[in-house]
Amino acid sequence: MPVTGAQNGLSVIDMRGLDYDDKAWELLLDQLSIEDMSTLVTLSGFGTPKIDSIGLPQTQANDGPASASTSWAGVEGNLDVATNAYTCEVTIACTYNTALAEEMGVMFGRETLMVRNHNGNIPYAGWYAPGVNLHRSPFGGRNFEYYSEDDLLSGKMASATISGASSKGLYAMMKHFALNDQDTYRSGWGYASNNALFTWADEQTIRELYLRAFEIPVKEAECQIKFISDENGNISTRTIRASLGVMTSFNAVGSVWAGAHEGLITDVLRNEWGFDGVVITDYKSGNRAYMDVDAMIRSGADVALCTTPLELADSSSATTVSSMREAVHHLPYATVNSNAMNGLVPGTIVSYTMAPWRIAVITIDVVVGVFIAAAGTLIVLRGIDAKKHPENYKSKKNK
């Protein structure tokens, strides 16, 4: 059983600039409780919750490759600060211009620095994009989210886009891993289905075509991060892999759901390609029973994308706790190399309060509401009294 609940005095910000396998990470992970780990695994869809034990701040994730003006997570007024819709990936790919794709990623990163939730203090650190599946058919329902039918072109464009976004602290979660060829029946036969759509292909085809578009960004996308490197507060810069996120697909590859496919996630993505970032599933509702969260974390994936709380069937065995510990190593690693660390230094304590201007607006609303309610009550009472004592309300002329 892994160590839990230790008091080692570390925070996520202390890990910035460190390698994924630095020994300091083990000390930090020892501070997590089983409840902390379960919360991160099951409640990190569309953003991560605040975890006090390791100083992990709350974050949000932007959903969709075409715009930073998402309406998820209570965001208000984003259209005022973000482009409503960029050119779709198909058009970007038609340019064969990786510099242009990188600039689009940079712009996304800039816009998500401006987009905040209604309190103004929850950063957009993650981006559910770009889509890099191949155009197997012109009738594919998500083709507009994917670049091309060509694996090399798709991979190069995605690599440039991810590098650009990461330069501004926005880590991309490229999708949908893997073989997401159609939307019809993508989560089975009906919304409440227990069955996935089965996609079949031989290993050579999978590796040479469908996976190559993902492999190229994992290995080639890079960005630079700045971090405090010593006790004197000196700032250093290092280059890291920019691919810090992957989203799995609804379908099964062969007979195994992609979100719990150990061959894809652990053997290929992590062990062969050296991917250390977070792996999140596509949307998991309570009705999609084939999306087994317990199988997910034991297969190398980390987070179930959902908007309602999920429960693990087993959250106490050494096997599950070890799997959760590995999962929540990937997620803070991606977060610590994102814009969520902007403004934080070792020793920072993150807390969230309501903005003063919102308190003022709420106070005014309450005062005005009480006044209107009181005025309405007086009008009603006056009407009732007028019916009972009409003589008291006769005009002087009538008198």
Protein backbone atom coordinates (compact mmCIF):
# COMPACT_ATOMS: atom_id res chain seq x y z
CA MET A 1 0.00 0.00 0.00
CA PRO A 2 1.46 3.38 -0.99
CA VAL A 3 2.10 6.03 1.64
CA THR A 4 -0.79 8.50 2.04
CA GLY A 5 -1.41 11.61 4.10
CA ALA A 6 2.25 12.41 4.80
CA GLN A 7 3.31 15.89 5.95
CA ASN A 8 6.33 16.65 3.79
CA GLY A 9 5.66 20.35 3.35
CA LEU A 10 5.77 20.30 -0.45
CA SER A 11 3.50 21.94 -2.99
CA VAL A 12 2.93 21.40 -6.70
CA ILE A 13 4.74 24.66 -7.50
CA ASP A 14 7.91 23.14 -6.00
CA MET A 15 7.84 20.56 -8.83
CA ARG A 16 7.99 23.08 -11.67
CA GLY A 17 11.10 22.54 -13.71
CA LEU A 18 11.67 19.02 -12.38
CA ASP A 19 11.63 15.86 -14.49
CA TYR A 20 8.62 13.58 -14.26
CA ASP A 21 10.69 10.90 -12.52
CA ASP A 22 12.44 13.23 -10.05
CA LYS A 23 12.41 11.74 -6.55
CA ALA A 24 10.74 14.87 -5.15
CA TRP A 25 7.51 13.80 -6.86
CA GLU A 26 7.31 10.73 -4.61
CA LEU A 27 7.44 12.91 -1.51
CA LEU A 28 4.71 15.14 -2.91
CA LEU A 29 2.46 12.21 -3.84
CA ASP A 30 2.90 10.78 -0.34
CA GLN A 31 0.96 13.81 0.93
CA LEU A 32 -2.21 12.83 -0.94
CA SER A 33 -4.99 11.01 0.86
CA ILE A 34 -7.02 8.27 -0.81
CA GLU A 35 -9.92 10.72 -0.93
CA ASP A 36 -7.72 13.30 -2.69
CA MET A 37 -6.69 10.78 -5.32
CA SER A 38 -10.24 9.56 -5.87
CA THR A 39 -11.43 13.16 -6.26
CA LEU A 40 -8.82 13.90 -8.92
CA VAL A 41 -9.56 10.71 -10.86
CA THR A 42 -13.35 11.12 -10.88
CA LEU A 43 -13.92 14.90 -10.72
CA SER A 44 -11.32 16.42 -13.04
CA GLY A 45 -13.50 16.64 -16.13
CA PHE A 46 -13.51 20.15 -17.67
CA GLY A 47 -10.94 21.20 -15.06
CA THR A 48 -9.19 20.06 -11.91
CA PRO A 49 -10.51 20.58 -8.37
CA LYS A 50 -8.46 22.35 -5.73
CA ILE A 51 -6.42 19.89 -3.62
CA ASP A 52 -5.06 21.56 -0.49
CA SER A 53 -2.73 18.73 0.55
CA ILE A 54 -0.40 19.39 -2.40
CA GLY A 55 -1.32 23.01 -3.15
CA LEU A 56 -2.95 22.11 -6.48
CA PRO A 57 -5.02 25.07 -7.69
CA GLN A 58 -8.39 24.75 -9.35
CA THR A 59 -8.25 24.89 -13.14
CA GLN A 60 -10.61 24.75 -16.10
CA ALA A 61 -10.32 23.12 -19.51
CA ASN A 62 -11.58 24.55 -22.80
CA ASP A 63 -13.62 22.08 -24.83
CA GLY A 64 -13.26 22.21 -28.58
CA PRO A 65 -10.63 22.97 -31.22
CA ALA A 66 -12.38 25.91 -32.87
CA SER A 67 -12.86 28.47 -30.11
CA ALA A 68 -11.78 29.55 -26.64
CA SER A 69 -15.22 31.04 -26.00
CA THR A 70 -16.60 27.97 -24.30
CA SER A 71 -19.64 28.05 -22.02
CA TRP A 72 -18.48 25.23 -19.75
CA ALA A 73 -17.89 25.64 -16.03
CA GLY A 74 -19.94 28.77 -15.48
CA VAL A 75 -17.96 31.03 -17.79
CA GLU A 76 -19.57 34.37 -18.49
CA GLY A 77 -18.96 36.89 -21.25
CA ASN A 78 -16.23 34.98 -23.03
CA LEU A 79 -17.32 36.25 -26.44
CA ASP A 80 -16.07 39.67 -25.36
CA VAL A 81 -12.48 38.45 -25.01
CA ALA A 82 -12.18 35.40 -27.25
CA THR A 83 -12.57 34.66 -30.95
CA ASN A 84 -15.93 33.03 -31.51
CA ALA A 85 -14.58 30.50 -34.02
CA TYR A 86 -11.27 29.95 -35.75
CA THR A 87 -10.90 28.32 -39.14
CA CYS A 88 -11.54 24.58 -38.84
CA GLU A 89 -8.63 22.14 -38.83
CA VAL A 90 -9.40 20.90 -42.35
CA THR A 91 -8.76 24.36 -43.78
CA ILE A 92 -5.64 24.83 -41.67
CA ALA A 93 -4.28 21.52 -42.98
CA CYS A 94 -4.95 22.61 -46.56
CA THR A 95 -2.34 25.35 -46.16
CA TYR A 96 0.45 22.86 -45.39
CA ASN A 97 1.77 25.73 -43.27
CA THR A 98 3.01 24.54 -39.88
CA ALA A 99 4.04 28.09 -38.92
CA LEU A 100 0.42 29.19 -39.36
CA ALA A 101 -0.80 26.24 -37.28
CA GLU A 102 1.66 27.17 -34.56
CA GLU A 103 0.45 30.76 -34.56
CA MET A 104 -3.12 29.54 -34.15
CA GLY A 105 -1.99 27.60 -31.09
CA VAL A 106 -0.28 30.73 -29.75
CA MET A 107 -3.48 32.73 -30.19
CA PHE A 108 -5.49 30.08 -28.38
CA GLY A 109 -3.00 30.25 -25.54
CA ARG A 110 -3.24 34.03 -25.38
CA GLU A 111 -7.03 34.03 -25.37
CA THR A 112 -7.30 31.43 -22.63
CA LEU A 113 -5.10 33.64 -20.47
CA MET A 114 -7.87 36.24 -20.69
CA VAL A 115 -10.85 33.91 -20.31
CA ARG A 116 -11.79 33.30 -16.68
CA ASN A 117 -14.80 32.07 -14.77
CA HIS A 118 -17.22 34.47 -13.09
CA ASN A 119 -14.90 34.93 -10.09
CA GLY A 120 -12.08 35.86 -12.41
CA ASN A 121 -9.51 33.62 -10.75
CA ILE A 122 -9.83 30.12 -12.25
CA PRO A 123 -7.37 29.76 -15.16
CA TYR A 124 -7.92 27.82 -18.34
CA ALA A 125 -4.93 25.50 -18.25
CA GLY A 126 -6.15 22.65 -20.49
CA TRP A 127 -7.51 22.47 -24.03
CA TYR A 128 -9.46 19.49 -25.40
CA ALA A 129 -7.83 19.72 -28.82
CA PRO A 130 -6.49 19.42 -31.44
CA GLY A 131 -8.23 16.48 -33.09
CA VAL A 132 -5.80 14.26 -35.01
CA ASN A 133 -7.87 11.28 -36.11
CA LEU A 134 -7.77 10.54 -39.83
CA HIS A 135 -10.55 11.21 -42.33
CA ARG A 136 -11.37 7.61 -43.07
CA SER A 137 -14.63 8.64 -44.74
CA PRO A 138 -15.89 12.01 -46.03
CA PHE A 139 -19.03 11.39 -43.98
CA GLY A 140 -17.23 11.31 -40.62
CA GLY A 141 -19.18 13.32 -38.06
CA ARG A 142 -16.08 14.87 -36.50
CA ASN A 143 -14.07 15.47 -39.68
CA PHE A 144 -14.17 19.23 -39.13
CA GLU A 145 -12.24 18.66 -35.89
CA TYR A 146 -9.53 16.61 -37.61
CA TYR A 147 -6.87 17.76 -40.04
CA SER A 148 -6.65 15.25 -42.85
CA GLU A 149 -6.74 11.70 -44.15
CA ASP A 150 -2.94 11.80 -44.10
CA ASP A 151 -1.09 10.76 -40.96
CA LEU A 152 2.08 12.77 -41.58
CA LEU A 153 0.24 16.00 -42.36
CA SER A 154 -2.04 15.56 -39.37
CA GLY A 155 0.86 14.85 -37.03
CA LYS A 156 2.96 17.80 -38.19
CA MET A 157 0.05 20.24 -37.98
CA ALA A 158 -0.91 19.01 -34.52
CA SER A 159 2.69 19.20 -33.34
CA ALA A 160 2.95 22.83 -34.41
CA THR A 161 -0.41 23.77 -32.87
CA ILE A 162 0.44 22.11 -29.56
CA SER A 163 3.85 23.79 -29.42
CA GLY A 164 2.21 27.16 -29.98
CA ALA A 165 -0.45 26.70 -27.33
CA SER A 166 2.07 25.39 -24.80
CA SER A 167 4.26 28.45 -25.30
CA LYS A 168 1.52 30.37 -23.47
CA GLY A 169 1.00 27.73 -20.78
CA LEU A 170 -2.02 26.00 -22.35
CA TYR A 171 -1.54 22.24 -22.45
CA ALA A 172 -3.41 20.48 -25.23
CA MET A 173 -5.22 17.14 -24.95
CA MET A 174 -5.16 15.85 -28.50
CA LYS A 175 -7.96 13.52 -29.40
CA HIS A 176 -9.52 10.99 -29.91
CA PHE A 177 -7.09 8.20 -29.09
CA ALA A 178 -7.63 6.08 -31.15
CA LEU A 179 -9.43 4.93 -34.34
CA ASN A 180 -12.37 7.26 -33.82
CA ASP A 181 -13.72 6.90 -37.37
CA GLN A 182 -17.43 7.65 -36.98
CA ASP A 183 -19.96 9.28 -34.70
CA THR A 184 -22.94 7.07 -35.52
CA TYR A 185 -23.23 4.50 -32.72
CA ARG A 186 -19.94 5.78 -31.32
CA SER A 187 -21.11 5.03 -27.79
CA GLY A 188 -23.20 2.00 -28.62
CA TRP A 189 -26.77 1.54 -29.72
CA GLY A 190 -28.61 4.27 -27.84
CA TYR A 191 -27.59 6.78 -25.18
CA ALA A 192 -27.97 4.30 -22.32
CA SER A 193 -26.09 1.55 -24.09
CA ASN A 194 -23.70 -0.79 -22.32
CA ASN A 195 -21.90 -1.47 -25.60
CA ALA A 196 -19.17 0.38 -27.42
CA LEU A 197 -18.68 0.68 -31.16
CA PHE A 198 -16.08 -1.95 -32.09
CA THR A 199 -13.35 -0.79 -34.50
CA TRP A 200 -11.14 -3.45 -36.04
CA ALA A 201 -7.77 -3.09 -37.78
CA ASP A 202 -4.50 -4.99 -37.92
CA GLU A 203 -1.52 -3.75 -35.92
CA GLN A 204 0.49 -2.59 -38.92
CA THR A 205 -2.34 -0.38 -40.15
CA ILE A 206 -2.92 1.01 -36.67
CA ARG A 207 0.74 1.86 -36.12
CA GLU A 208 1.58 3.18 -39.58
CA LEU A 209 -1.55 5.27 -40.05
CA TYR A 210 -3.90 5.88 -37.14
CA LEU A 211 -1.33 6.10 -34.34
CA ARG A 212 1.34 7.95 -36.28
CA ALA A 213 -0.70 11.16 -36.22
CA PHE A 214 -0.53 10.98 -32.40
CA GLU A 215 3.06 9.77 -32.19
CA ILE A 216 4.53 12.73 -34.08
CA PRO A 217 3.21 15.41 -31.63
CA VAL A 218 4.18 13.32 -28.60
CA LYS A 219 7.77 13.11 -29.80
CA GLU A 220 8.23 16.42 -31.64
CA ALA A 221 6.13 19.15 -29.95
CA GLU A 222 8.25 21.22 -27.57
CA CYS A 223 7.99 24.34 -25.46
CA GLN A 224 10.05 26.28 -22.95
CA ILE A 225 9.06 26.85 -19.35
CA LYS A 226 10.47 29.21 -16.76
CA PHE A 227 10.86 28.27 -13.12
CA ILE A 228 12.55 29.42 -9.92
CA SER A 229 15.70 27.32 -9.78
CA ASP A 230 17.29 28.20 -6.43
CA GLU A 231 16.69 29.72 -3.02
CA ASN A 232 17.78 33.14 -4.28
CA GLY A 233 14.84 33.31 -6.66
CA ASN A 234 16.84 33.05 -9.86
CA ILE A 235 14.78 32.17 -12.94
CA SER A 236 15.86 29.39 -15.27
CA THR A 237 14.44 28.14 -18.55
CA ARG A 238 14.27 24.60 -19.85
CA THR A 239 12.76 22.87 -22.86
CA ILE A 240 10.19 20.15 -22.26
CA ARG A 241 7.86 18.04 -24.35
CA ALA A 242 4.80 20.14 -25.07
CA SER A 243 2.39 17.20 -25.48
CA LEU A 244 0.99 16.91 -21.98
CA GLY A 245 -2.51 15.59 -22.64
CA VAL A 246 -4.41 12.96 -24.62
CA MET A 247 -8.14 12.26 -24.76
CA THR A 248 -9.26 8.72 -25.53
CA SER A 249 -12.22 7.83 -27.76
CA PHE A 250 -15.72 6.44 -27.24
CA ASN A 251 -15.13 3.36 -29.33
CA ALA A 252 -13.47 0.07 -28.55
CA VAL A 253 -10.31 -0.90 -30.37
CA GLY A 254 -10.96 -4.51 -31.09
CA SER A 255 -13.14 -5.57 -28.18
CA VAL A 256 -11.63 -3.25 -25.53
CA TRP A 257 -12.84 0.28 -24.80
CA ALA A 258 -10.10 2.72 -25.83
CA GLY A 259 -10.26 4.46 -22.44
CA ALA A 260 -9.18 1.24 -20.72
CA HIS A 261 -6.94 -0.21 -23.40
CA GLU A 262 -3.64 -1.07 -21.73
CA GLY A 263 -2.01 -1.89 -25.05
CA LEU A 264 -2.74 1.60 -26.39
CA ILE A 265 -2.29 3.70 -23.28
CA THR A 266 0.45 1.98 -21.29
CA ASP A 267 2.37 -0.14 -23.79
CA VAL A 268 2.42 2.26 -26.75
CA LEU A 269 1.66 5.79 -25.54
CA ARG A 270 3.59 5.71 -22.27
CA ASN A 271 6.23 3.00 -22.55
CA GLU A 272 7.12 3.20 -26.26
CA TRP A 273 6.60 6.93 -26.89
CA GLY A 274 7.59 8.17 -23.42
CA PHE A 275 4.40 10.16 -22.78
CA ASP A 276 4.22 11.47 -19.18
CA GLY A 277 1.13 13.69 -19.44
CA VAL A 278 -2.49 13.18 -18.46
CA VAL A 279 -4.85 10.82 -20.30
CA ILE A 280 -8.53 11.72 -20.04
CA THR A 281 -11.49 9.77 -21.41
CA ASP A 282 -14.12 11.17 -23.71
CA TYR A 283 -17.40 12.09 -22.01
CA LYS A 284 -18.46 9.49 -19.48
CA SER A 285 -22.10 9.60 -18.41
CA GLY A 286 -23.58 7.34 -15.79
CA ASN A 287 -25.48 5.49 -18.51
CA ARG A 288 -22.38 4.43 -20.45
CA ALA A 289 -21.58 1.45 -18.29
CA TYR A 290 -18.97 0.07 -20.67
CA MET A 291 -16.75 3.01 -19.67
CA ASP A 292 -15.36 1.27 -16.60
CA VAL A 293 -13.48 3.81 -14.46
CA ASP A 294 -11.77 1.11 -12.39
CA ALA A 295 -10.46 -0.51 -15.57
CA MET A 296 -9.50 2.94 -16.84
CA ILE A 297 -7.02 3.76 -14.08
CA ARG A 298 -5.55 0.24 -14.08
CA SER A 299 -4.86 0.51 -17.80
CA GLY A 300 -2.86 3.72 -17.60
CA ALA A 301 -5.52 6.41 -18.13
CA ASP A 302 -6.01 9.03 -15.43
CA VAL A 303 -9.25 11.00 -15.51
CA ALA A 304 -12.87 10.27 -16.40
CA LEU A 305 -14.40 13.19 -18.27
CA CYS A 306 -17.77 13.80 -16.62
CA THR A 307 -19.90 16.48 -15.02
CA THR A 308 -21.44 14.33 -12.29
CA PRO A 309 -19.57 12.60 -9.44
CA LEU A 310 -18.46 9.04 -10.12
CA GLU A 311 -17.53 6.35 -7.66
CA LEU A 312 -14.88 3.71 -8.01
CA ALA A 313 -16.05 0.18 -7.28
CA ASP A 314 -12.77 -0.35 -5.43
CA SER A 315 -10.96 2.60 -3.89
CA SER A 316 -9.12 0.96 -1.01
CA SER A 317 -7.08 -1.98 -2.29
CA ALA A 318 -3.32 -1.59 -2.76
CA THR A 319 -3.74 -2.21 -6.50
CA THR A 320 -6.29 0.57 -6.93
CA VAL A 321 -4.48 3.05 -4.70
CA SER A 322 -1.23 2.42 -6.60
CA SER A 323 -3.05 2.98 -9.90
CA MET A 324 -4.66 6.18 -8.60
CA ARG A 325 -1.30 7.42 -7.35
CA GLU A 326 0.21 6.99 -10.80
CA ALA A 327 -2.81 8.69 -12.35
CA VAL A 328 -2.56 11.72 -10.10
CA HIS A 329 1.15 11.95 -10.83
CA HIS A 330 0.37 12.58 -14.51
CA LEU A 331 -2.28 15.22 -13.85
CA PRO A 332 -0.23 17.53 -11.54
CA TYR A 333 2.75 17.08 -13.86
CA ALA A 334 0.72 18.56 -16.71
CA THR A 335 -0.74 21.26 -14.45
CA VAL A 336 2.60 22.36 -13.00
CA ASN A 337 3.88 23.00 -16.54
CA SER A 338 0.84 25.10 -17.45
CA ASN A 339 -0.44 28.64 -16.93
CA ALA A 340 -2.06 27.47 -13.68
CA MET A 341 1.29 28.25 -12.04
CA ASN A 342 1.37 31.85 -13.27
CA GLY A 343 1.98 34.11 -10.28
CA LEU A 344 2.76 31.26 -7.87
CA VAL A 345 6.06 30.80 -6.07
CA PRO A 346 7.18 28.20 -3.53
CA GLY A 347 5.30 28.85 -0.30
CA THR A 348 2.21 30.30 -1.99
CA ILE A 349 -1.11 29.30 -0.43
CA VAL A 350 -3.94 29.31 -2.94
CA SER A 351 -7.41 30.31 -1.73
CA TYR A 352 -10.56 31.43 -3.53
CA THR A 353 -12.86 34.25 -2.47
CA MET A 354 -15.64 36.12 -4.20
CA ALA A 355 -14.51 39.24 -6.04
CA PRO A 356 -15.43 42.50 -4.19
CA TRP A 357 -17.34 43.85 -7.20
CA ARG A 358 -19.55 40.74 -7.22
CA ILE A 359 -20.26 41.18 -3.50
CA ALA A 360 -21.29 44.77 -4.23
CA VAL A 361 -23.55 43.71 -7.12
CA ILE A 362 -25.21 41.01 -5.00
CA THR A 363 -25.74 43.48 -2.13
CA ILE A 364 -27.38 45.99 -4.46
CA ASP A 365 -29.56 43.25 -5.97
CA VAL A 366 -30.71 42.18 -2.49
CA VAL A 367 -31.51 45.76 -1.41
CA VAL A 368 -33.44 46.47 -4.61
CA GLY A 369 -35.24 43.13 -4.31
CA VAL A 370 -36.30 43.84 -0.72
CA PHE A 371 -37.53 47.30 -1.74
CA ILE A 372 -39.58 45.90 -4.64
CA ALA A 373 -41.03 43.16 -2.43
CA ALA A 374 -41.96 45.68 0.27
CA ALA A 375 -43.53 48.03 -2.28
CA GLY A 376 -45.48 45.17 -3.82
CA THR A 377 -46.72 44.06 -0.42
CA LEU A 378 -47.91 47.59 0.45
CA ILE A 379 -49.76 47.84 -2.87
CA VAL A 380 -51.54 44.51 -2.25
CA LEU A 381 -52.46 45.45 1.32
CA ARG A 382 -53.73 48.84 0.15
CA GLY A 383 -55.92 47.11 -2.44
CA ILE A 384 -57.37 44.74 0.15
CA ASP A 385 -58.06 47.61 2.56
CA ALA A 386 -59.70 49.65 -0.22
CA LYS A 387 -62.21 46.87 -0.81
CA LYS A 388 -63.05 46.66 2.88
CA HIS A 389 -63.19 50.39 3.52
CA PRO A 390 -63.94 52.12 0.23
CA GLU A 391 -65.11 55.26 2.07
CA ASN A 392 -61.55 55.92 3.17
CA TYR A 393 -60.39 56.08 -0.43
CA LYS A 394 -63.03 58.40 -1.89
CA SER A 395 -61.59 61.47 -3.50
CA LYS A 396 -62.25 64.92 -2.03
CA LYS A 397 -64.35 65.74 -5.12
CA ASN A 398 -66.70 62.86 -4.33
CA LYS A 399 -66.93 63.95 -0.74
